[in-house]
Amino acid sequence: MYKLKTNKSINKRFKLTSNDKLLKHNSGKSHLLQKKSSNRKRYLRKVKLVNSSDRSNFMNSLPYIK
């Protein structure tokens, strides 16, 4: 059987926790920060969990993540 290819862009952007949950960074923190409030920028710093309904789509692209 042939090797499955890992989606490298997803592999770089997401991280798997020990409880098999996916972590992601928020978007919107790279530029145009002057007009965003301090509270909003602080909120964007945090890492979030990927929704469980979307998790299966990502896991199909990451066959060797475990």
Protein backbone atom coordinates (compact mmCIF):
# COMPACT_ATOMS: atom_id res chain seq x y z
CA MET A 1 0.00 0.00 0.00
CA TYR A 2 1.20 3.49 -0.78
CA LYS A 3 2.13 6.14 1.78
CA LEU A 4 -0.44 8.73 2.72
CA LYS A 5 0.60 12.34 2.31
CA THR A 6 0.41 14.74 5.24
CA ASN A 7 -0.97 18.19 4.54
CA LYS A 8 2.05 20.27 5.59
CA SER A 9 0.17 23.56 5.98
CA ILE A 10 -2.25 21.99 8.48
CA ASN A 11 0.64 20.22 10.20
CA LYS A 12 2.37 23.57 10.83
CA ARG A 13 -0.73 25.44 12.03
CA PHE A 14 -2.29 22.94 14.40
CA LYS A 15 -1.02 21.00 17.40
CA LEU A 16 -2.43 17.87 18.98
CA THR A 17 -2.87 17.78 22.77
CA SER A 18 -2.46 14.71 24.94
CA ASN A 19 -6.25 14.27 25.03
CA ASP A 20 -6.41 14.19 21.20
CA LYS A 21 -7.74 17.72 20.84
CA LEU A 22 -6.47 20.16 18.22
CA LEU A 23 -5.12 23.59 19.18
CA LYS A 24 -5.05 26.58 16.84
CA HIS A 25 -3.95 30.20 16.93
CA ASN A 26 -6.37 33.02 16.21
CA SER A 27 -6.24 34.90 12.97
CA GLY A 28 -6.19 38.68 12.72
CA LYS A 29 -3.05 39.42 14.76
CA SER A 30 -0.51 40.03 11.98
CA HIS A 31 -1.23 43.57 10.74
CA LEU A 32 -3.64 46.53 11.02
CA LEU A 33 -3.26 46.37 14.80
CA GLN A 34 -3.45 50.12 15.38
CA LYS A 35 -7.23 50.29 15.06
CA LYS A 36 -7.88 47.18 17.15
CA SER A 37 -8.49 47.65 20.86
CA SER A 38 -6.10 46.34 23.49
CA ASN A 39 -8.73 43.93 24.78
CA ARG A 40 -9.25 42.52 21.29
CA LYS A 41 -5.50 42.07 20.72
CA ARG A 42 -5.11 40.38 24.10
CA TYR A 43 -7.97 38.02 23.23
CA LEU A 44 -6.31 37.15 19.90
CA ARG A 45 -3.12 36.09 21.73
CA LYS A 46 -4.77 33.05 23.26
CA VAL A 47 -4.74 29.57 21.77
CA LYS A 48 -8.11 27.95 21.06
CA LEU A 49 -9.41 24.44 20.55
CA VAL A 50 -10.73 23.38 17.16
CA ASN A 51 -14.41 22.54 17.24
CA SER A 52 -15.07 18.82 17.61
CA SER A 53 -17.27 18.78 14.49
CA ASP A 54 -14.36 20.14 12.40
CA ARG A 55 -11.77 17.85 13.97
CA SER A 56 -12.45 14.89 11.67
CA ASN A 57 -11.73 17.00 8.58
CA PHE A 58 -8.31 17.94 9.92
CA MET A 59 -7.45 14.46 11.10
CA ASN A 60 -8.01 13.06 7.59
CA SER A 61 -5.30 15.46 6.37
CA LEU A 62 -2.91 14.39 9.15
CA PRO A 63 -2.66 10.60 8.90
CA TYR A 64 0.56 10.22 10.96
CA ILE A 65 -0.05 12.74 13.71
CA LYS A 66 -0.27 10.16 16.52
